[in-house]
Amino acid sequence: CPSVVPVLEPELMVFDPQKTARTQKQRDYASSIIEQFQI
């Protein structure tokens, strides 16, 4: 669906649960997502 953008960044996925857990604790990651996807 062209209007739908699934965010498929590796650090959010299932490949590395420890990395995913670390990402969830990083406040700065939120700003990078907004900037990267130009929300």
PDB file of all heavy atoms in Angstrom:
ATOM      1  N   CYS A   1       0.870  -1.180   0.000  1.00  0.00           N
ATOM      2  CA  CYS A   1       0.000   0.000   0.000  1.00  0.00           C
ATOM      3  C   CYS A   1       0.904   1.227   0.000  1.00  0.00           C
ATOM      4  O   CYS A   1       1.648   1.455   0.964  1.00  0.00           O
ATOM      5  CB  CYS A   1      -0.904   0.001   1.228  1.00  0.00           C
ATOM      6  SG  CYS A   1      -2.083   1.362   1.262  1.00  0.00           S
ATOM      7  N   PRO A   2       0.899   2.046  -1.055  1.00  0.00           N
ATOM      8  CA  PRO A   2       1.863   3.148  -1.196  1.00  0.00           C
ATOM      9  C   PRO A   2       1.859   4.139  -0.036  1.00  0.00           C
ATOM     10  O   PRO A   2       2.893   4.751   0.248  1.00  0.00           O
ATOM     11  CB  PRO A   2       1.412   3.829  -2.495  1.00  0.00           C
ATOM     12  CG  PRO A   2       0.678   2.775  -3.251  1.00  0.00           C
ATOM     13  CD  PRO A   2       0.007   1.939  -2.222  1.00  0.00           C
ATOM     14  N   SER A   3       0.727   4.326   0.630  1.00  0.00           N
ATOM     15  CA  SER A   3       0.642   5.305   1.710  1.00  0.00           C
ATOM     16  C   SER A   3       1.118   4.760   3.046  1.00  0.00           C
ATOM     17  O   SER A   3       1.172   5.501   4.024  1.00  0.00           O
ATOM     18  CB  SER A   3      -0.805   5.797   1.855  1.00  0.00           C
ATOM     19  OG  SER A   3      -1.234   6.436   0.674  1.00  0.00           O
ATOM     20  N   VAL A   4       1.449   3.478   3.102  1.00  0.00           N
ATOM     21  CA  VAL A   4       1.860   2.833   4.353  1.00  0.00           C
ATOM     22  C   VAL A   4       3.363   2.592   4.318  1.00  0.00           C
ATOM     23  O   VAL A   4       3.890   2.007   3.369  1.00  0.00           O
ATOM     24  CB  VAL A   4       1.109   1.509   4.574  1.00  0.00           C
ATOM     25  CG1 VAL A   4       1.590   0.833   5.855  1.00  0.00           C
ATOM     26  CG2 VAL A   4      -0.390   1.764   4.641  1.00  0.00           C
ATOM     27  N   VAL A   5       4.044   3.043   5.364  1.00  0.00           N
ATOM     28  CA  VAL A   5       5.500   2.899   5.450  1.00  0.00           C
ATOM     29  C   VAL A   5       5.844   2.055   6.677  1.00  0.00           C
ATOM     30  O   VAL A   5       5.827   2.553   7.805  1.00  0.00           O
ATOM     31  CB  VAL A   5       6.202   4.267   5.558  1.00  0.00           C
ATOM     32  CG1 VAL A   5       7.714   4.078   5.600  1.00  0.00           C
ATOM     33  CG2 VAL A   5       5.789   5.183   4.415  1.00  0.00           C
ATOM     34  N   PRO A   6       6.134   0.766   6.489  1.00  0.00           N
ATOM     35  CA  PRO A   6       6.587  -0.043   7.629  1.00  0.00           C
ATOM     36  C   PRO A   6       8.053   0.250   7.929  1.00  0.00           C
ATOM     37  O   PRO A   6       8.888   0.206   7.029  1.00  0.00           O
ATOM     38  CB  PRO A   6       6.395  -1.483   7.137  1.00  0.00           C
ATOM     39  CG  PRO A   6       6.466  -1.394   5.652  1.00  0.00           C
ATOM     40  CD  PRO A   6       6.004  -0.015   5.257  1.00  0.00           C
ATOM     41  N   VAL A   7       8.369   0.576   9.167  1.00  0.00           N
ATOM     42  CA  VAL A   7       9.748   0.880   9.552  1.00  0.00           C
ATOM     43  C   VAL A   7      10.457  -0.441   9.826  1.00  0.00           C
ATOM     44  O   VAL A   7      10.172  -1.115  10.816  1.00  0.00           O
ATOM     45  CB  VAL A   7       9.786   1.804  10.782  1.00  0.00           C
ATOM     46  CG1 VAL A   7      11.229   2.092  11.196  1.00  0.00           C
ATOM     47  CG2 VAL A   7       9.053   3.108  10.475  1.00  0.00           C
ATOM     48  N   LEU A   8      11.376  -0.807   8.944  1.00  0.00           N
ATOM     49  CA  LEU A   8      12.007  -2.128   8.964  1.00  0.00           C
ATOM     50  C   LEU A   8      13.487  -2.038   9.337  1.00  0.00           C
ATOM     51  O   LEU A   8      14.315  -2.736   8.769  1.00  0.00           O
ATOM     52  CB  LEU A   8      11.837  -2.800   7.606  1.00  0.00           C
ATOM     53  CG  LEU A   8      10.383  -3.008   7.155  1.00  0.00           C
ATOM     54  CD1 LEU A   8      10.328  -3.402   5.694  1.00  0.00           C
ATOM     55  CD2 LEU A   8       9.689  -4.056   8.016  1.00  0.00           C
ATOM     56  N   GLU A   9      13.804  -1.193  10.284  1.00  0.00           N
ATOM     57  CA  GLU A   9      15.193  -1.053  10.707  1.00  0.00           C
ATOM     58  C   GLU A   9      15.641  -2.316  11.453  1.00  0.00           C
ATOM     59  O   GLU A   9      14.905  -2.840  12.310  1.00  0.00           O
ATOM     60  CB  GLU A   9      15.347   0.164  11.618  1.00  0.00           C
ATOM     61  CG  GLU A   9      14.963   1.472  10.940  1.00  0.00           C
ATOM     62  CD  GLU A   9      15.804   1.719   9.700  1.00  0.00           C
ATOM     63  OE1 GLU A   9      17.006   1.982   9.829  1.00  0.00           O
ATOM     64  OE2 GLU A   9      15.244   1.632   8.580  1.00  0.00           O
ATOM     65  N   PRO A  10      16.842  -2.849  11.153  1.00  0.00           N
ATOM     66  CA  PRO A  10      17.305  -4.106  11.762  1.00  0.00           C
ATOM     67  C   PRO A  10      17.305  -4.101  13.283  1.00  0.00           C
ATOM     68  O   PRO A  10      17.019  -5.114  13.920  1.00  0.00           O
ATOM     69  CB  PRO A  10      18.723  -4.266  11.211  1.00  0.00           C
ATOM     70  CG  PRO A  10      18.722  -3.490   9.937  1.00  0.00           C
ATOM     71  CD  PRO A  10      17.806  -2.334  10.162  1.00  0.00           C
ATOM     72  N   GLU A  11      17.626  -2.935  13.883  1.00  0.00           N
ATOM     73  CA  GLU A  11      17.714  -2.882  15.345  1.00  0.00           C
ATOM     74  C   GLU A  11      16.348  -2.953  16.020  1.00  0.00           C
ATOM     75  O   GLU A  11      16.256  -3.024  17.248  1.00  0.00           O
ATOM     76  CB  GLU A  11      18.442  -1.616  15.785  1.00  0.00           C
ATOM     77  CG  GLU A  11      17.856  -0.329  15.281  1.00  0.00           C
ATOM     78  CD  GLU A  11      18.475   0.114  13.969  1.00  0.00           C
ATOM     79  OE1 GLU A  11      18.909  -0.753  13.191  1.00  0.00           O
ATOM     80  OE2 GLU A  11      18.529   1.333  13.726  1.00  0.00           O
ATOM     81  N   LEU A  12      15.267  -2.948  15.228  1.00  0.00           N
ATOM     82  CA  LEU A  12      13.923  -3.078  15.787  1.00  0.00           C
ATOM     83  C   LEU A  12      13.356  -4.479  15.596  1.00  0.00           C
ATOM     84  O   LEU A  12      12.288  -4.788  16.125  1.00  0.00           O
ATOM     85  CB  LEU A  12      12.978  -2.069  15.124  1.00  0.00           C
ATOM     86  CG  LEU A  12      13.300  -0.591  15.326  1.00  0.00           C
ATOM     87  CD1 LEU A  12      12.354   0.266  14.492  1.00  0.00           C
ATOM     88  CD2 LEU A  12      13.196  -0.210  16.793  1.00  0.00           C
ATOM     89  N   MET A  13      14.067  -5.307  14.838  1.00  0.00           N
ATOM     90  CA  MET A  13      13.505  -6.589  14.419  1.00  0.00           C
ATOM     91  C   MET A  13      13.918  -7.715  15.367  1.00  0.00           C
ATOM     92  O   MET A  13      14.416  -7.472  16.458  1.00  0.00           O
ATOM     93  CB  MET A  13      13.919  -6.886  12.979  1.00  0.00           C
ATOM     94  CG  MET A  13      13.701  -5.693  12.038  1.00  0.00           C
ATOM     95  SD  MET A  13      11.996  -5.081  12.013  1.00  0.00           S
ATOM     96  CE  MET A  13      11.313  -6.144  10.775  1.00  0.00           C
ATOM     97  N   VAL A  14      13.732  -8.956  14.900  1.00  0.00           N
ATOM     98  CA  VAL A  14      13.916 -10.112  15.774  1.00  0.00           C
ATOM     99  C   VAL A  14      15.296 -10.744  15.677  1.00  0.00           C
ATOM    100  O   VAL A  14      15.594 -11.683  16.409  1.00  0.00           O
ATOM    101  CB  VAL A  14      12.867 -11.206  15.456  1.00  0.00           C
ATOM    102  CG1 VAL A  14      11.477 -10.697  15.739  1.00  0.00           C
ATOM    103  CG2 VAL A  14      12.988 -11.663  14.001  1.00  0.00           C
ATOM    104  N   PHE A  15      16.143 -10.255  14.775  1.00  0.00           N
ATOM    105  CA  PHE A  15      17.405 -10.935  14.524  1.00  0.00           C
ATOM    106  C   PHE A  15      18.329 -10.922  15.742  1.00  0.00           C
ATOM    107  O   PHE A  15      19.072 -11.865  15.982  1.00  0.00           O
ATOM    108  CB  PHE A  15      18.121 -10.306  13.328  1.00  0.00           C
ATOM    109  CG  PHE A  15      17.218 -10.078  12.150  1.00  0.00           C
ATOM    110  CD1 PHE A  15      16.990  -8.811  11.656  1.00  0.00           C
ATOM    111  CD2 PHE A  15      16.585 -11.150  11.550  1.00  0.00           C
ATOM    112  CE1 PHE A  15      16.144  -8.610  10.584  1.00  0.00           C
ATOM    113  CE2 PHE A  15      15.740 -10.958  10.477  1.00  0.00           C
ATOM    114  CZ  PHE A  15      15.513  -9.677   9.997  1.00  0.00           C
ATOM    115  N   ASP A  16      18.294  -9.838  16.488  1.00  0.00           N
ATOM    116  CA  ASP A  16      19.173  -9.694  17.649  1.00  0.00           C
ATOM    117  C   ASP A  16      18.365  -9.119  18.808  1.00  0.00           C
ATOM    118  O   ASP A  16      18.282  -7.889  18.960  1.00  0.00           O
ATOM    119  CB  ASP A  16      20.353  -8.774  17.300  1.00  0.00           C
ATOM    120  CG  ASP A  16      21.412  -8.746  18.401  1.00  0.00           C
ATOM    121  OD1 ASP A  16      21.086  -9.106  19.545  1.00  0.00           O
ATOM    122  OD2 ASP A  16      22.561  -8.367  18.095  1.00  0.00           O
ATOM    123  N   PRO A  17      17.742  -9.982  19.635  1.00  0.00           N
ATOM    124  CA  PRO A  17      16.896  -9.503  20.737  1.00  0.00           C
ATOM    125  C   PRO A  17      17.627  -8.557  21.682  1.00  0.00           C
ATOM    126  O   PRO A  17      17.023  -7.614  22.215  1.00  0.00           O
ATOM    127  CB  PRO A  17      16.477 -10.792  21.450  1.00  0.00           C
ATOM    128  CG  PRO A  17      16.582 -11.854  20.407  1.00  0.00           C
ATOM    129  CD  PRO A  17      17.732 -11.450  19.547  1.00  0.00           C
ATOM    130  N   GLN A  18      18.924  -8.776  21.908  1.00  0.00           N
ATOM    131  CA  GLN A  18      19.667  -7.907  22.810  1.00  0.00           C
ATOM    132  C   GLN A  18      19.816  -6.504  22.221  1.00  0.00           C
ATOM    133  O   GLN A  18      19.683  -5.499  22.931  1.00  0.00           O
ATOM    134  CB  GLN A  18      21.042  -8.516  23.112  1.00  0.00           C
ATOM    135  CG  GLN A  18      20.972  -9.794  23.945  1.00  0.00           C
ATOM    136  CD  GLN A  18      22.344 -10.338  24.263  1.00  0.00           C
ATOM    137  OE1 GLN A  18      23.336  -9.994  23.636  1.00  0.00           O
ATOM    138  NE2 GLN A  18      22.406 -11.208  25.258  1.00  0.00           N
ATOM    139  N   LYS A  19      20.065  -6.432  20.916  1.00  0.00           N
ATOM    140  CA  LYS A  19      20.173  -5.127  20.263  1.00  0.00           C
ATOM    141  C   LYS A  19      18.820  -4.413  20.295  1.00  0.00           C
ATOM    142  O   LYS A  19      18.743  -3.197  20.523  1.00  0.00           O
ATOM    143  CB  LYS A  19      20.645  -5.291  18.820  1.00  0.00           C
ATOM    144  CG  LYS A  19      20.762  -3.968  18.072  1.00  0.00           C
ATOM    145  CD  LYS A  19      21.152  -4.170  16.620  1.00  0.00           C
ATOM    146  CE  LYS A  19      22.589  -4.616  16.486  1.00  0.00           C
ATOM    147  NZ  LYS A  19      23.019  -4.649  15.066  1.00  0.00           N
ATOM    148  N   THR A  20      17.748  -5.164  20.064  1.00  0.00           N
ATOM    149  CA  THR A  20      16.408  -4.574  20.112  1.00  0.00           C
ATOM    150  C   THR A  20      16.117  -4.009  21.491  1.00  0.00           C
ATOM    151  O   THR A  20      15.569  -2.906  21.629  1.00  0.00           O
ATOM    152  CB  THR A  20      15.348  -5.627  19.739  1.00  0.00           C
ATOM    153  OG1 THR A  20      15.610  -6.127  18.427  1.00  0.00           O
ATOM    154  CG2 THR A  20      13.953  -5.042  19.775  1.00  0.00           C
ATOM    155  N   ALA A  21      16.484  -4.760  22.527  1.00  0.00           N
ATOM    156  CA  ALA A  21      16.258  -4.299  23.900  1.00  0.00           C
ATOM    157  C   ALA A  21      17.048  -3.021  24.181  1.00  0.00           C
ATOM    158  O   ALA A  21      16.547  -2.096  24.836  1.00  0.00           O
ATOM    159  CB  ALA A  21      16.645  -5.393  24.886  1.00  0.00           C
ATOM    160  N   ARG A  22      18.274  -2.949  23.673  1.00  0.00           N
ATOM    161  CA  ARG A  22      19.088  -1.737  23.868  1.00  0.00           C
ATOM    162  C   ARG A  22      18.468  -0.543  23.143  1.00  0.00           C
ATOM    163  O   ARG A  22      18.454   0.575  23.663  1.00  0.00           O
ATOM    164  CB  ARG A  22      20.521  -1.972  23.388  1.00  0.00           C
ATOM    165  CG  ARG A  22      21.341  -2.902  24.272  1.00  0.00           C
ATOM    166  CD  ARG A  22      22.819  -2.785  23.937  1.00  0.00           C
ATOM    167  NE  ARG A  22      23.119  -3.159  22.561  1.00  0.00           N
ATOM    168  CZ  ARG A  22      23.414  -4.391  22.171  1.00  0.00           C
ATOM    169  NH1 ARG A  22      23.453  -5.380  23.063  1.00  0.00           N
ATOM    170  NH2 ARG A  22      23.695  -4.647  20.901  1.00  0.00           N
ATOM    171  N   THR A  23      17.962  -0.787  21.933  1.00  0.00           N
ATOM    172  CA  THR A  23      17.348   0.293  21.164  1.00  0.00           C
ATOM    173  C   THR A  23      16.151   0.871  21.907  1.00  0.00           C
ATOM    174  O   THR A  23      15.931   2.082  21.914  1.00  0.00           O
ATOM    175  CB  THR A  23      16.911  -0.221  19.785  1.00  0.00           C
ATOM    176  OG1 THR A  23      18.048  -0.733  19.086  1.00  0.00           O
ATOM    177  CG2 THR A  23      16.282   0.894  18.958  1.00  0.00           C
ATOM    178  N   GLN A  24      15.386  -0.005  22.551  1.00  0.00           N
ATOM    179  CA  GLN A  24      14.196   0.459  23.278  1.00  0.00           C
ATOM    180  C   GLN A  24      14.555   1.362  24.456  1.00  0.00           C
ATOM    181  O   GLN A  24      13.704   2.091  24.959  1.00  0.00           O
ATOM    182  CB  GLN A  24      13.385  -0.733  23.777  1.00  0.00           C
ATOM    183  CG  GLN A  24      12.265  -1.158  22.876  1.00  0.00           C
ATOM    184  CD  GLN A  24      11.200  -0.088  22.736  1.00  0.00           C
ATOM    185  OE1 GLN A  24      11.039   0.793  23.572  1.00  0.00           O
ATOM    186  NE2 GLN A  24      10.438  -0.151  21.653  1.00  0.00           N
ATOM    187  N   LYS A  25      15.803   1.351  24.884  1.00  0.00           N
ATOM    188  CA  LYS A  25      16.220   2.173  26.023  1.00  0.00           C
ATOM    189  C   LYS A  25      16.869   3.487  25.592  1.00  0.00           C
ATOM    190  O   LYS A  25      17.265   4.288  26.438  1.00  0.00           O
ATOM    191  CB  LYS A  25      17.199   1.383  26.900  1.00  0.00           C
ATOM    192  CG  LYS A  25      16.592   0.127  27.523  1.00  0.00           C
ATOM    193  CD  LYS A  25      17.635  -0.658  28.300  1.00  0.00           C
ATOM    194  CE  LYS A  25      17.039  -1.938  28.877  1.00  0.00           C
ATOM    195  NZ  LYS A  25      18.058  -2.764  29.590  1.00  0.00           N
ATOM    196  N   GLN A  26      16.980   3.697  24.280  1.00  0.00           N
ATOM    197  CA  GLN A  26      17.695   4.874  23.772  1.00  0.00           C
ATOM    198  C   GLN A  26      16.715   5.977  23.377  1.00  0.00           C
ATOM    199  O   GLN A  26      15.984   5.856  22.398  1.00  0.00           O
ATOM    200  CB  GLN A  26      18.554   4.483  22.563  1.00  0.00           C
ATOM    201  CG  GLN A  26      19.654   3.489  22.879  1.00  0.00           C
ATOM    202  CD  GLN A  26      20.373   2.999  21.637  1.00  0.00           C
ATOM    203  OE1 GLN A  26      20.138   3.502  20.535  1.00  0.00           O
ATOM    204  NE2 GLN A  26      21.250   2.030  21.797  1.00  0.00           N
ATOM    205  N   ARG A  27      16.729   7.071  24.117  1.00  0.00           N
ATOM    206  CA  ARG A  27      15.844   8.197  23.803  1.00  0.00           C
ATOM    207  C   ARG A  27      16.252   8.865  22.486  1.00  0.00           C
ATOM    208  O   ARG A  27      15.404   9.323  21.713  1.00  0.00           O
ATOM    209  CB  ARG A  27      15.872   9.211  24.940  1.00  0.00           C
ATOM    210  CG  ARG A  27      15.279   8.701  26.242  1.00  0.00           C
ATOM    211  CD  ARG A  27      15.343   9.741  27.339  1.00  0.00           C
ATOM    212  NE  ARG A  27      14.492  10.899  27.046  1.00  0.00           N
ATOM    213  CZ  ARG A  27      14.374  11.937  27.848  1.00  0.00           C
ATOM    214  NH1 ARG A  27      15.055  11.996  28.980  1.00  0.00           N
ATOM    215  NH2 ARG A  27      13.588  12.945  27.522  1.00  0.00           N
ATOM    216  N   ASP A  28      17.552   8.926  22.209  1.00  0.00           N
ATOM    217  CA  ASP A  28      18.036   9.612  21.013  1.00  0.00           C
ATOM    218  C   ASP A  28      17.568   8.941  19.727  1.00  0.00           C
ATOM    219  O   ASP A  28      17.499   9.589  18.674  1.00  0.00           O
ATOM    220  CB  ASP A  28      19.566   9.690  21.009  1.00  0.00           C
ATOM    221  CG  ASP A  28      20.101  10.588  22.113  1.00  0.00           C
ATOM    222  OD1 ASP A  28      19.306  11.363  22.662  1.00  0.00           O
ATOM    223  OD2 ASP A  28      21.306  10.506  22.416  1.00  0.00           O
ATOM    224  N   TYR A  29      17.269   7.651  19.808  1.00  0.00           N
ATOM    225  CA  TYR A  29      16.864   6.921  18.603  1.00  0.00           C
ATOM    226  C   TYR A  29      15.564   7.489  18.031  1.00  0.00           C
ATOM    227  O   TYR A  29      15.344   7.453  16.819  1.00  0.00           O
ATOM    228  CB  TYR A  29      16.690   5.446  18.925  1.00  0.00           C
ATOM    229  CG  TYR A  29      16.489   4.567  17.714  1.00  0.00           C
ATOM    230  CD1 TYR A  29      17.569   4.197  16.924  1.00  0.00           C
ATOM    231  CD2 TYR A  29      15.231   4.112  17.348  1.00  0.00           C
ATOM    232  CE1 TYR A  29      17.401   3.403  15.800  1.00  0.00           C
ATOM    233  CE2 TYR A  29      15.036   3.318  16.234  1.00  0.00           C
ATOM    234  CZ  TYR A  29      16.126   2.968  15.460  1.00  0.00           C
ATOM    235  OH  TYR A  29      15.952   2.188  14.352  1.00  0.00           O
ATOM    236  N   ALA A  30      14.721   8.037  18.884  1.00  0.00           N
ATOM    237  CA  ALA A  30      13.449   8.599  18.426  1.00  0.00           C
ATOM    238  C   ALA A  30      13.681   9.748  17.453  1.00  0.00           C
ATOM    239  O   ALA A  30      13.047   9.832  16.394  1.00  0.00           O
ATOM    240  CB  ALA A  30      12.631   9.067  19.628  1.00  0.00           C
ATOM    241  N   SER A  31      14.605  10.633  17.794  1.00  0.00           N
ATOM    242  CA  SER A  31      14.898  11.777  16.920  1.00  0.00           C
ATOM    243  C   SER A  31      15.442  11.316  15.575  1.00  0.00           C
ATOM    244  O   SER A  31      15.110  11.886  14.525  1.00  0.00           O
ATOM    245  CB  SER A  31      15.912  12.709  17.590  1.00  0.00           C
ATOM    246  OG  SER A  31      15.414  13.210  18.807  1.00  0.00           O
ATOM    247  N   SER A  32      16.277  10.291  15.609  1.00  0.00           N
ATOM    248  CA  SER A  32      16.871   9.802  14.361  1.00  0.00           C
ATOM    249  C   SER A  32      15.813   9.205  13.439  1.00  0.00           C
ATOM    250  O   SER A  32      15.896   9.334  12.215  1.00  0.00           O
ATOM    251  CB  SER A  32      17.974   8.783  14.657  1.00  0.00           C
ATOM    252  OG  SER A  32      17.438   7.596  15.200  1.00  0.00           O
ATOM    253  N   ILE A  33      14.805   8.553  14.002  1.00  0.00           N
ATOM    254  CA  ILE A  33      13.718   7.981  13.204  1.00  0.00           C
ATOM    255  C   ILE A  33      12.919   9.093  12.529  1.00  0.00           C
ATOM    256  O   ILE A  33      12.619   9.029  11.332  1.00  0.00           O
ATOM    257  CB  ILE A  33      12.795   7.118  14.084  1.00  0.00           C
ATOM    258  CG1 ILE A  33      13.463   5.785  14.420  1.00  0.00           C
ATOM    259  CG2 ILE A  33      11.459   6.862  13.385  1.00  0.00           C
ATOM    260  CD1 ILE A  33      13.587   4.824  13.258  1.00  0.00           C
ATOM    261  N   ILE A  34      12.572  10.126  13.292  1.00  0.00           N
ATOM    262  CA  ILE A  34      11.801  11.240  12.727  1.00  0.00           C
ATOM    263  C   ILE A  34      12.575  11.907  11.601  1.00  0.00           C
ATOM    264  O   ILE A  34      12.020  12.227  10.542  1.00  0.00           O
ATOM    265  CB  ILE A  34      11.463  12.258  13.835  1.00  0.00           C
ATOM    266  CG1 ILE A  34      10.531  11.617  14.872  1.00  0.00           C
ATOM    267  CG2 ILE A  34      10.808  13.508  13.234  1.00  0.00           C
ATOM    268  CD1 ILE A  34      10.269  12.480  16.079  1.00  0.00           C
ATOM    269  N   GLU A  35      13.866  12.101  11.806  1.00  0.00           N
ATOM    270  CA  GLU A  35      14.695  12.754  10.801  1.00  0.00           C
ATOM    271  C   GLU A  35      14.917  11.864   9.586  1.00  0.00           C
ATOM    272  O   GLU A  35      14.817  12.313   8.441  1.00  0.00           O
ATOM    273  CB  GLU A  35      16.044  13.129  11.414  1.00  0.00           C
ATOM    274  CG  GLU A  35      16.971  13.862  10.457  1.00  0.00           C
ATOM    275  CD  GLU A  35      18.282  14.256  11.113  1.00  0.00           C
ATOM    276  OE1 GLU A  35      18.404  14.135  12.352  1.00  0.00           O
ATOM    277  OE2 GLU A  35      19.201  14.683  10.384  1.00  0.00           O
ATOM    278  N   GLN A  36      15.213  10.596   9.834  1.00  0.00           N
ATOM    279  CA  GLN A  36      15.500   9.685   8.725  1.00  0.00           C
ATOM    280  C   GLN A  36      14.316   9.526   7.783  1.00  0.00           C
ATOM    281  O   GLN A  36      14.475   9.518   6.560  1.00  0.00           O
ATOM    282  CB  GLN A  36      15.910   8.313   9.273  1.00  0.00           C
ATOM    283  CG  GLN A  36      16.158   7.265   8.201  1.00  0.00           C
ATOM    284  CD  GLN A  36      16.502   5.906   8.793  1.00  0.00           C
ATOM    285  OE1 GLN A  36      16.796   5.789   9.968  1.00  0.00           O
ATOM    286  NE2 GLN A  36      16.461   4.878   7.975  1.00  0.00           N
ATOM    287  N   PHE A  37      13.096   9.408   8.367  1.00  0.00           N
ATOM    288  CA  PHE A  37      11.906   9.165   7.545  1.00  0.00           C
ATOM    289  C   PHE A  37      11.147  10.452   7.231  1.00  0.00           C
ATOM    290  O   PHE A  37      10.108  10.403   6.574  1.00  0.00           O
ATOM    291  CB  PHE A  37      10.998   8.152   8.241  1.00  0.00           C
ATOM    292  CG  PHE A  37      11.548   6.754   8.236  1.00  0.00           C
ATOM    293  CD1 PHE A  37      12.325   6.299   9.290  1.00  0.00           C
ATOM    294  CD2 PHE A  37      11.317   5.902   7.174  1.00  0.00           C
ATOM    295  CE1 PHE A  37      12.849   5.009   9.287  1.00  0.00           C
ATOM    296  CE2 PHE A  37      11.835   4.618   7.157  1.00  0.00           C
ATOM    297  CZ  PHE A  37      12.603   4.171   8.217  1.00  0.00           C
ATOM    298  N   GLN A  38      11.662  11.584   7.708  1.00  0.00           N
ATOM    299  CA  GLN A  38      11.061  12.889   7.424  1.00  0.00           C
ATOM    300  C   GLN A  38       9.562  12.894   7.725  1.00  0.00           C
ATOM    301  O   GLN A  38       8.721  13.244   6.885  1.00  0.00           O
ATOM    302  CB  GLN A  38      11.320  13.295   5.970  1.00  0.00           C
ATOM    303  CG  GLN A  38      12.812  13.418   5.643  1.00  0.00           C
ATOM    304  CD  GLN A  38      13.077  13.855   4.216  1.00  0.00           C
ATOM    305  OE1 GLN A  38      12.287  13.600   3.319  1.00  0.00           O
ATOM    306  NE2 GLN A  38      14.203  14.517   4.000  1.00  0.00           N
ATOM    307  N   ILE A  39       9.239  12.485   8.940  1.00  0.00           N
ATOM    308  CA  ILE A  39       7.847  12.410   9.379  1.00  0.00           C
ATOM    309  C   ILE A  39       7.328  13.823   9.638  1.00  0.00           C
ATOM    310  O   ILE A  39       7.968  14.621  10.327  1.00  0.00           O
ATOM    311  CB  ILE A  39       7.726  11.551  10.652  1.00  0.00           C
ATOM    312  CG1 ILE A  39       8.273  10.132  10.376  1.00  0.00           C
ATOM    313  CG2 ILE A  39       6.281  11.473  11.114  1.00  0.00           C
ATOM    314  CD1 ILE A  39       8.341   9.245  11.603  1.00  0.00           C
TER     315      ILE A  39
END
